[in-house]
PDB file of N, CA and C in Angstrom:
ATOM      1  N   MET A   1      91.161  89.797 -43.351  1.00  0.00           N
ATOM      2  CA  MET A   1      92.628  90.111 -43.196  1.00  0.00           C
ATOM      3  C   MET A   1      93.510  89.052 -43.538  1.00  0.00           C
ATOM      4  N   SER A   2      94.656  89.291 -44.729  1.00  0.00           N
ATOM      5  CA  SER A   2      95.338  88.057 -44.679  1.00  0.00           C
ATOM      6  C   SER A   2      96.509  89.035 -44.493  1.00  0.00           C
ATOM      7  N   LEU A   3      97.850  87.858 -43.427  1.00  0.00           N
ATOM      8  CA  LEU A   3      99.139  88.953 -44.460  1.00  0.00           C
ATOM      9  C   LEU A   3      99.880  88.291 -44.283  1.00  0.00           C
ATOM     10  N   GLU A   4     101.435  88.009 -45.070  1.00  0.00           N
ATOM     11  CA  GLU A   4     101.654  87.822 -45.853  1.00  0.00           C
ATOM     12  C   GLU A   4     103.647  87.807 -45.134  1.00  0.00           C
ATOM     13  N   ILE A   5     103.955  86.791 -45.343  1.00  0.00           N
ATOM     14  CA  ILE A   5     105.653  87.105 -44.821  1.00  0.00           C
ATOM     15  C   ILE A   5     106.457  87.165 -46.325  1.00  0.00           C
ATOM     16  N   GLN A   6     106.817  88.056 -46.382  1.00  0.00           N
ATOM     17  CA  GLN A   6     107.636  88.438 -47.335  1.00  0.00           C
ATOM     18  C   GLN A   6     109.366  87.211 -46.982  1.00  0.00           C
ATOM     19  N   PRO A   7     109.640  86.946 -47.850  1.00  0.00           N
ATOM     20  CA  PRO A   7     111.223  86.215 -46.425  1.00  0.00           C
ATOM     21  C   PRO A   7     112.237  86.931 -46.877  1.00  0.00           C
ATOM     22  N   ILE A   8     113.475  86.950 -46.607  1.00  0.00           N
ATOM     23  CA  ILE A   8     114.303  87.935 -47.303  1.00  0.00           C
ATOM     24  C   ILE A   8     115.693  87.367 -47.458  1.00  0.00           C
ATOM     25  N   LEU A   9     115.487  86.212 -46.868  1.00  0.00           N
ATOM     26  CA  LEU A   9     116.467  85.087 -47.534  1.00  0.00           C
ATOM     27  C   LEU A   9     116.208  83.503 -47.167  1.00  0.00           C
ATOM     28  N   GLU A  10     116.008  82.688 -47.702  1.00  0.00           N
ATOM     29  CA  GLU A  10     115.653  81.268 -47.965  1.00  0.00           C
ATOM     30  C   GLU A  10     116.883  80.448 -47.691  1.00  0.00           C
ATOM     31  N   ILE A  11     116.791  79.338 -46.471  1.00  0.00           N
ATOM     32  CA  ILE A  11     118.074  78.586 -46.430  1.00  0.00           C
ATOM     33  C   ILE A  11     117.382  77.377 -46.457  1.00  0.00           C
ATOM     34  N   GLY A  12     117.782  76.662 -47.324  1.00  0.00           N
ATOM     35  CA  GLY A  12     117.295  75.164 -46.860  1.00  0.00           C
ATOM     36  C   GLY A  12     117.519  74.273 -45.430  1.00  0.00           C
ATOM     37  N   ARG A  13     119.310  74.755 -45.223  1.00  0.00           N
ATOM     38  CA  ARG A  13     119.528  73.608 -43.878  1.00  0.00           C
ATOM     39  C   ARG A  13     118.590  73.956 -42.472  1.00  0.00           C
ATOM     40  N   THR A  14     118.089  73.154 -41.380  1.00  0.00           N
ATOM     41  CA  THR A  14     117.268  74.091 -40.713  1.00  0.00           C
ATOM     42  C   THR A  14     118.600  74.189 -39.235  1.00  0.00           C
ATOM     43  N   ASP A  15     119.160  73.761 -39.259  1.00  0.00           N
ATOM     44  CA  ASP A  15     120.665  73.756 -38.597  1.00  0.00           C
ATOM     45  C   ASP A  15     121.298  75.157 -38.429  1.00  0.00           C
ATOM     46  N   LEU A  16     121.224  75.420 -39.622  1.00  0.00           N
ATOM     47  CA  LEU A  16     122.012  76.889 -40.408  1.00  0.00           C
ATOM     48  C   LEU A  16     120.780  78.065 -40.143  1.00  0.00           C
ATOM     49  N   ILE A  17     119.218  77.651 -40.157  1.00  0.00           N
ATOM     50  CA  ILE A  17     118.425  79.205 -39.369  1.00  0.00           C
ATOM     51  C   ILE A  17     118.293  79.299 -37.821  1.00  0.00           C
ATOM     52  N   CYS A  18     118.131  78.120 -37.360  1.00  0.00           N
ATOM     53  CA  CYS A  18     118.385  77.936 -36.146  1.00  0.00           C
ATOM     54  C   CYS A  18     119.980  78.798 -35.255  1.00  0.00           C
ATOM     55  N   MET A  19     120.818  78.647 -35.683  1.00  0.00           N
ATOM     56  CA  MET A  19     122.406  79.420 -36.071  1.00  0.00           C
ATOM     57  C   MET A  19     121.919  80.407 -35.992  1.00  0.00           C
ATOM     58  N   LEU A  20     121.207  80.925 -36.964  1.00  0.00           N
ATOM     59  CA  LEU A  20     120.982  82.538 -37.527  1.00  0.00           C
ATOM     60  C   LEU A  20     120.201  83.279 -36.813  1.00  0.00           C
ATOM     61  N   VAL A  21     119.121  82.418 -36.135  1.00  0.00           N
ATOM     62  CA  VAL A  21     118.066  82.754 -35.520  1.00  0.00           C
ATOM     63  C   VAL A  21     119.043  83.262 -34.221  1.00  0.00           C
ATOM     64  N   GLU A  22     119.668  81.919 -33.570  1.00  0.00           N
ATOM     65  CA  GLU A  22     120.601  82.060 -31.820  1.00  0.00           C
ATOM     66  C   GLU A  22     120.866  83.452 -31.879  1.00  0.00           C
ATOM     67  N   GLN A  23     121.755  83.721 -32.765  1.00  0.00           N
ATOM     68  CA  GLN A  23     122.763  85.172 -32.780  1.00  0.00           C
ATOM     69  C   GLN A  23     121.947  86.104 -32.938  1.00  0.00           C
ATOM     70  N   GLY A  24     120.713  86.386 -33.615  1.00  0.00           N
ATOM     71  CA  GLY A  24     120.019  87.418 -33.595  1.00  0.00           C
ATOM     72  C   GLY A  24     120.123  87.828 -34.867  1.00  0.00           C
ATOM     73  N   ALA A  25     119.920  87.449 -35.830  1.00  0.00           N
ATOM     74  CA  ALA A  25     119.851  87.449 -37.288  1.00  0.00           C
ATOM     75  C   ALA A  25     118.273  87.648 -38.303  1.00  0.00           C
ATOM     76  N   GLY A  26     117.558  87.546 -37.376  1.00  0.00           N
ATOM     77  CA  GLY A  26     115.853  87.163 -37.641  1.00  0.00           C
ATOM     78  C   GLY A  26     115.127  86.236 -36.852  1.00  0.00           C
ATOM     79  N   ILE A  27     114.055  86.385 -37.594  1.00  0.00           N
ATOM     80  CA  ILE A  27     112.750  85.327 -36.842  1.00  0.00           C
ATOM     81  C   ILE A  27     112.879  83.999 -38.202  1.00  0.00           C
ATOM     82  N   SER A  28     112.150  83.338 -37.805  1.00  0.00           N
ATOM     83  CA  SER A  28     112.166  82.119 -38.787  1.00  0.00           C
ATOM     84  C   SER A  28     110.382  81.227 -38.341  1.00  0.00           C
ATOM     85  N   PHE A  29     110.048  80.676 -39.079  1.00  0.00           N
ATOM     86  CA  PHE A  29     109.209  79.847 -39.280  1.00  0.00           C
ATOM     87  C   PHE A  29     109.601  78.680 -39.566  1.00  0.00           C
ATOM     88  N   LEU A  30     109.650  77.686 -37.988  1.00  0.00           N
ATOM     89  CA  LEU A  30     110.553  76.253 -38.058  1.00  0.00           C
ATOM     90  C   LEU A  30     109.288  74.885 -37.506  1.00  0.00           C
ATOM     91  N   PRO A  31     109.497  73.698 -37.330  1.00  0.00           N
ATOM     92  CA  PRO A  31     108.532  72.902 -37.155  1.00  0.00           C
ATOM     93  C   PRO A  31     109.340  72.226 -35.280  1.00  0.00           C
ATOM     94  N   ASP A  32     108.364  72.330 -34.908  1.00  0.00           N
ATOM     95  CA  ASP A  32     108.360  72.393 -33.008  1.00  0.00           C
ATOM     96  C   ASP A  32     110.213  71.467 -32.955  1.00  0.00           C
ATOM     97  N   TYR A  33     110.270  70.216 -34.149  1.00  0.00           N
ATOM     98  CA  TYR A  33     111.069  68.967 -33.683  1.00  0.00           C
ATOM     99  C   TYR A  33     112.578  69.625 -33.663  1.00  0.00           C
ATOM    100  N   VAL A  34     112.659  70.638 -34.736  1.00  0.00           N
ATOM    101  CA  VAL A  34     113.504  70.995 -35.274  1.00  0.00           C
ATOM    102  C   VAL A  34     114.341  71.693 -34.139  1.00  0.00           C
ATOM    103  N   THR A  35     113.607  72.917 -33.360  1.00  0.00           N
ATOM    104  CA  THR A  35     113.628  73.644 -32.234  1.00  0.00           C
ATOM    105  C   THR A  35     113.371  73.219 -30.739  1.00  0.00           C
ATOM    106  N   ALA A  36     113.120  72.248 -30.960  1.00  0.00           N
ATOM    107  CA  ALA A  36     112.481  71.525 -29.227  1.00  0.00           C
ATOM    108  C   ALA A  36     113.635  71.530 -28.339  1.00  0.00           C
ATOM    109  N   GLU A  37     115.324  71.441 -28.892  1.00  0.00           N
ATOM    110  CA  GLU A  37     116.288  71.168 -27.833  1.00  0.00           C
ATOM    111  C   GLU A  37     117.245  72.298 -27.724  1.00  0.00           C
ATOM    112  N   ALA A  38     116.810  73.827 -28.735  1.00  0.00           N
ATOM    113  CA  ALA A  38     117.544  74.984 -28.655  1.00  0.00           C
ATOM    114  C   ALA A  38     116.348  76.019 -27.485  1.00  0.00           C
ATOM    115  N   VAL A  39     114.932  75.411 -27.491  1.00  0.00           N
ATOM    116  CA  VAL A  39     114.052  75.908 -26.900  1.00  0.00           C
ATOM    117  C   VAL A  39     114.759  75.378 -24.907  1.00  0.00           C
ATOM    118  N   LYS A  40     114.732  74.210 -25.511  1.00  0.00           N
ATOM    119  CA  LYS A  40     115.046  73.734 -23.774  1.00  0.00           C
ATOM    120  C   LYS A  40     115.543  73.750 -23.444  1.00  0.00           C
ATOM    121  N   GLU A  41     117.633  74.680 -24.354  1.00  0.00           N
ATOM    122  CA  GLU A  41     118.666  74.545 -23.422  1.00  0.00           C
ATOM    123  C   GLU A  41     117.979  76.648 -23.423  1.00  0.00           C
ATOM    124  N   GLY A  42     117.499  77.121 -23.760  1.00  0.00           N
ATOM    125  CA  GLY A  42     117.194  78.092 -23.720  1.00  0.00           C
ATOM    126  C   GLY A  42     117.922  79.265 -24.830  1.00  0.00           C
ATOM    127  N   ARG A  43     118.444  78.972 -25.840  1.00  0.00           N
ATOM    128  CA  ARG A  43     119.180  79.671 -26.834  1.00  0.00           C
ATOM    129  C   ARG A  43     117.580  80.107 -28.089  1.00  0.00           C
ATOM    130  N   LEU A  44     116.902  79.397 -27.765  1.00  0.00           N
ATOM    131  CA  LEU A  44     115.463  80.219 -28.689  1.00  0.00           C
ATOM    132  C   LEU A  44     114.406  79.996 -28.102  1.00  0.00           C
ATOM    133  N   PHE A  45     113.293  80.831 -28.249  1.00  0.00           N
ATOM    134  CA  PHE A  45     111.950  80.985 -27.702  1.00  0.00           C
ATOM    135  C   PHE A  45     111.011  80.401 -28.973  1.00  0.00           C
ATOM    136  N   TYR A  46     109.891  80.281 -28.675  1.00  0.00           N
ATOM    137  CA  TYR A  46     108.756  80.346 -29.156  1.00  0.00           C
ATOM    138  C   TYR A  46     107.974  81.831 -28.989  1.00  0.00           C
ATOM    139  N   LEU A  47     107.915  82.148 -30.402  1.00  0.00           N
ATOM    140  CA  LEU A  47     106.680  83.498 -29.986  1.00  0.00           C
ATOM    141  C   LEU A  47     104.903  83.277 -30.637  1.00  0.00           C
ATOM    142  N   ASN A  48     104.504  83.160 -29.745  1.00  0.00           N
ATOM    143  CA  ASN A  48     102.793  82.536 -30.057  1.00  0.00           C
ATOM    144  C   ASN A  48     102.255  84.477 -30.666  1.00  0.00           C
ATOM    145  N   VAL A  49     101.323  83.456 -31.446  1.00  0.00           N
ATOM    146  CA  VAL A  49     101.101  84.897 -32.640  1.00  0.00           C
ATOM    147  C   VAL A  49      99.435  84.534 -32.606  1.00  0.00           C
ATOM    148  N   GLU A  50      98.589  85.258 -32.306  1.00  0.00           N
ATOM    149  CA  GLU A  50      97.202  84.656 -32.139  1.00  0.00           C
ATOM    150  C   GLU A  50      96.913  84.457 -33.652  1.00  0.00           C
ATOM    151  N   ASP A  51      95.613  84.609 -33.700  1.00  0.00           N
ATOM    152  CA  ASP A  51      95.328  83.844 -35.320  1.00  0.00           C
ATOM    153  C   ASP A  51      96.025  83.651 -36.081  1.00  0.00           C
ATOM    154  N   PHE A  52      96.628  82.403 -35.732  1.00  0.00           N
ATOM    155  CA  PHE A  52      98.203  82.467 -36.713  1.00  0.00           C
ATOM    156  C   PHE A  52      97.807  80.864 -37.258  1.00  0.00           C
ATOM    157  N   GLY A  53      97.852  80.764 -38.814  1.00  0.00           N
ATOM    158  CA  GLY A  53      97.324  79.683 -39.841  1.00  0.00           C
ATOM    159  C   GLY A  53      98.526  79.456 -40.856  1.00  0.00           C
ATOM    160  N   VAL A  54      98.482  77.966 -40.885  1.00  0.00           N
ATOM    161  CA  VAL A  54      99.839  77.833 -41.943  1.00  0.00           C
ATOM    162  C   VAL A  54      98.477  76.761 -43.317  1.00  0.00           C
ATOM    163  N   GLU A  55      98.941  77.096 -44.097  1.00  0.00           N
ATOM    164  CA  GLU A  55      98.390  76.466 -45.236  1.00  0.00           C
ATOM    165  C   GLU A  55      99.400  75.927 -46.221  1.00  0.00           C
ATOM    166  N   VAL A  56      99.161  74.689 -46.275  1.00  0.00           N
ATOM    167  CA  VAL A  56     100.274  73.616 -46.725  1.00  0.00           C
ATOM    168  C   VAL A  56      99.454  73.008 -48.131  1.00  0.00           C
ATOM    169  N   TRP A  57     100.004  73.562 -49.456  1.00  0.00           N
ATOM    170  CA  TRP A  57      99.939  72.957 -50.336  1.00  0.00           C
ATOM    171  C   TRP A  57     100.444  71.882 -51.138  1.00  0.00           C
ATOM    172  N   LYS A  58      99.858  70.680 -50.531  1.00  0.00           N
ATOM    173  CA  LYS A  58     100.367  69.314 -51.290  1.00  0.00           C
ATOM    174  C   LYS A  58      99.682  69.005 -52.545  1.00  0.00           C
ATOM    175  N   GLN A  59     100.600  67.937 -53.408  1.00  0.00           N
ATOM    176  CA  GLN A  59     100.810  67.080 -54.610  1.00  0.00           C
ATOM    177  C   GLN A  59     101.642  65.824 -53.903  1.00  0.00           C
ATOM    178  N   LEU A  60     100.268  65.050 -55.224  1.00  0.00           N
ATOM    179  CA  LEU A  60     100.985  63.108 -55.077  1.00  0.00           C
ATOM    180  C   LEU A  60     101.094  63.387 -55.996  1.00  0.00           C
ATOM    181  N   LEU A  61     102.501  62.763 -56.829  1.00  0.00           N
ATOM    182  CA  LEU A  61     102.383  62.269 -58.374  1.00  0.00           C
ATOM    183  C   LEU A  61     103.083  60.655 -58.292  1.00  0.00           C
ATOM    184  N   TYR A  62     101.992  60.341 -59.649  1.00  0.00           N
ATOM    185  CA  TYR A  62     103.074  59.224 -59.674  1.00  0.00           C
ATOM    186  C   TYR A  62     102.696  58.482 -61.299  1.00  0.00           C
ATOM    187  N   HIS A  63     103.698  58.168 -61.792  1.00  0.00           N
ATOM    188  CA  HIS A  63     103.194  57.722 -63.386  1.00  0.00           C
ATOM    189  C   HIS A  63     102.451  56.790 -63.287  1.00  0.00           C
ATOM    190  N   ARG A  64     101.155  57.004 -64.506  1.00  0.00           N
ATOM    191  CA  ARG A  64      99.989  56.336 -64.310  1.00  0.00           C
ATOM    192  C   ARG A  64     100.271  55.085 -65.721  1.00  0.00           C
ATOM    193  N   ASP A  65     101.762  55.362 -65.935  1.00  0.00           N
ATOM    194  CA  ASP A  65     101.456  54.429 -67.171  1.00  0.00           C
ATOM    195  C   ASP A  65     102.606  52.872 -65.999  1.00  0.00           C
ATOM    196  N   LYS A  66     102.653  53.149 -65.007  1.00  0.00           N
ATOM    197  CA  LYS A  66     103.925  52.260 -64.437  1.00  0.00           C
ATOM    198  C   LYS A  66     103.278  51.205 -63.602  1.00  0.00           C
ATOM    199  N   TRP A  67     103.779  50.455 -63.677  1.00  0.00           N
ATOM    200  CA  TRP A  67     102.704  49.685 -62.334  1.00  0.00           C
ATOM    201  C   TRP A  67     103.021  49.680 -60.628  1.00  0.00           C
ATOM    202  N   VAL A  68     101.844  49.617 -60.316  1.00  0.00           N
ATOM    203  CA  VAL A  68     102.038  49.969 -58.886  1.00  0.00           C
ATOM    204  C   VAL A  68     101.568  48.948 -57.736  1.00  0.00           C
ATOM    205  N   SER A  69     101.921  48.730 -56.713  1.00  0.00           N
ATOM    206  CA  SER A  69     103.063  47.738 -56.098  1.00  0.00           C
ATOM    207  C   SER A  69     101.514  47.479 -54.843  1.00  0.00           C
ATOM    208  N   PRO A  70     100.959  46.593 -54.593  1.00  0.00           N
ATOM    209  CA  PRO A  70      99.954  46.410 -53.229  1.00  0.00           C
ATOM    210  C   PRO A  70     100.247  47.528 -52.699  1.00  0.00           C
ATOM    211  N   GLN A  71     101.818  48.167 -51.747  1.00  0.00           N
ATOM    212  CA  GLN A  71     102.062  48.528 -50.645  1.00  0.00           C
ATOM    213  C   GLN A  71     101.578  49.911 -51.398  1.00  0.00           C
ATOM    214  N   MET A  72     102.432  50.609 -52.956  1.00  0.00           N
ATOM    215  CA  MET A  72     102.369  52.172 -53.724  1.00  0.00           C
ATOM    216  C   MET A  72     100.626  52.170 -53.118  1.00  0.00           C
ATOM    217  N   GLU A  73      99.464  51.480 -53.752  1.00  0.00           N
ATOM    218  CA  GLU A  73      98.274  51.890 -53.972  1.00  0.00           C
ATOM    219  C   GLU A  73      97.879  51.812 -52.511  1.00  0.00           C
ATOM    220  N   SER A  74      97.620  51.148 -51.351  1.00  0.00           N
ATOM    221  CA  SER A  74      97.892  51.225 -50.394  1.00  0.00           C
ATOM    222  C   SER A  74      97.861  53.029 -49.241  1.00  0.00           C
ATOM    223  N   LEU A  75      99.483  52.983 -49.824  1.00  0.00           N
ATOM    224  CA  LEU A  75      99.736  54.336 -49.288  1.00  0.00           C
ATOM    225  C   LEU A  75      98.924  55.610 -50.499  1.00  0.00           C
ATOM    226  N   LEU A  76      98.580  55.655 -51.528  1.00  0.00           N
ATOM    227  CA  LEU A  76      97.879  56.525 -52.752  1.00  0.00           C
ATOM    228  C   LEU A  76      96.515  56.057 -51.615  1.00  0.00           C
ATOM    229  N   GLU A  77      95.739  55.838 -51.591  1.00  0.00           N
ATOM    230  CA  GLU A  77      94.439  55.251 -50.905  1.00  0.00           C
ATOM    231  C   GLU A  77      94.608  55.816 -50.004  1.00  0.00           C
ATOM    232  N   TYR A  78      95.066  55.853 -48.851  1.00  0.00           N
ATOM    233  CA  TYR A  78      95.553  56.300 -47.242  1.00  0.00           C
ATOM    234  C   TYR A  78      95.678  57.755 -47.958  1.00  0.00           C
ATOM    235  N   CYS A  79      96.764  58.177 -48.451  1.00  0.00           N
ATOM    236  CA  CYS A  79      96.860  59.652 -48.750  1.00  0.00           C
ATOM    237  C   CYS A  79      96.142  60.327 -48.884  1.00  0.00           C
ATOM    238  N   ILE A  80      94.998  60.042 -50.308  1.00  0.00           N
ATOM    239  CA  ILE A  80      94.038  60.423 -50.676  1.00  0.00           C
ATOM    240  C   ILE A  80      92.856  60.652 -49.720  1.00  0.00           C
ATOM    241  N   ASP A  81      92.633  59.534 -49.346  1.00  0.00           N
ATOM    242  CA  ASP A  81      91.441  59.629 -47.935  1.00  0.00           C
ATOM    243  C   ASP A  81      91.543  60.136 -46.445  1.00  0.00           C
ATOM    244  N   ASN A  82      92.937  60.017 -45.795  1.00  0.00           N
ATOM    245  CA  ASN A  82      93.234  61.568 -45.119  1.00  0.00           C
ATOM    246  C   ASN A  82      93.737  62.707 -45.639  1.00  0.00           C
ATOM    247  N   GLU A  83      94.279  62.987 -46.400  1.00  0.00           N
ATOM    248  CA  GLU A  83      95.475  63.955 -46.619  1.00  0.00           C
ATOM    249  C   GLU A  83      94.698  64.915 -47.621  1.00  0.00           C
ATOM    250  N   PHE A  84      94.228  64.908 -48.649  1.00  0.00           N
ATOM    251  CA  PHE A  84      93.743  65.719 -49.963  1.00  0.00           C
ATOM    252  C   PHE A  84      92.306  65.409 -49.886  1.00  0.00           C
ATOM    253  N   SER A  85      91.673  64.522 -48.705  1.00  0.00           N
ATOM    254  CA  SER A  85      90.280  64.702 -48.804  1.00  0.00           C
ATOM    255  C   SER A  85      89.923  66.448 -47.638  1.00  0.00           C
ATOM    256  N   LYS A  86      90.911  66.818 -46.699  1.00  0.00           N
ATOM    257  CA  LYS A  86      90.694  67.290 -45.764  1.00  0.00           C
ATOM    258  C   LYS A  86      90.714  68.929 -46.650  1.00  0.00           C
ATOM    259  N   GLN A  87      90.972  68.585 -47.717  1.00  0.00           N
ATOM    260  CA  GLN A  87      90.800  69.873 -48.798  1.00  0.00           C
ATOM    261  C   GLN A  87      89.426  70.431 -48.773  1.00  0.00           C
ATOM    262  N   ASP A  88      88.601  69.689 -48.969  1.00  0.00           N
ATOM    263  CA  ASP A  88      86.856  69.907 -49.602  1.00  0.00           C
ATOM    264  C   ASP A  88      86.114  69.811 -48.084  1.00  0.00           C
ATOM    265  N   LYS A  89      86.554  69.375 -46.911  1.00  0.00           N
ATOM    266  CA  LYS A  89      85.792  69.313 -45.718  1.00  0.00           C
ATOM    267  C   LYS A  89      86.006  70.875 -45.161  1.00  0.00           C
TER     268      LYS A  89
END
């Protein structure tokens, strides 16, 4: 069974999202580094949800006709080997 979250409001500023959650305006799904201080101070708390997984869709784009530096080539190889190949496993 799959459950989906239907957002009511989407905001790009994590500080504003934290403030709204602190004021009781709802719940949010944010990375720990964004919420760690507020959790430490007791202004927010984590809600543990069993059997919860996150799918992240990734893509990497670059212009195929442009010159690629050795550093960029190294980054591309790293991403392909370590990030994108995980989808096939």
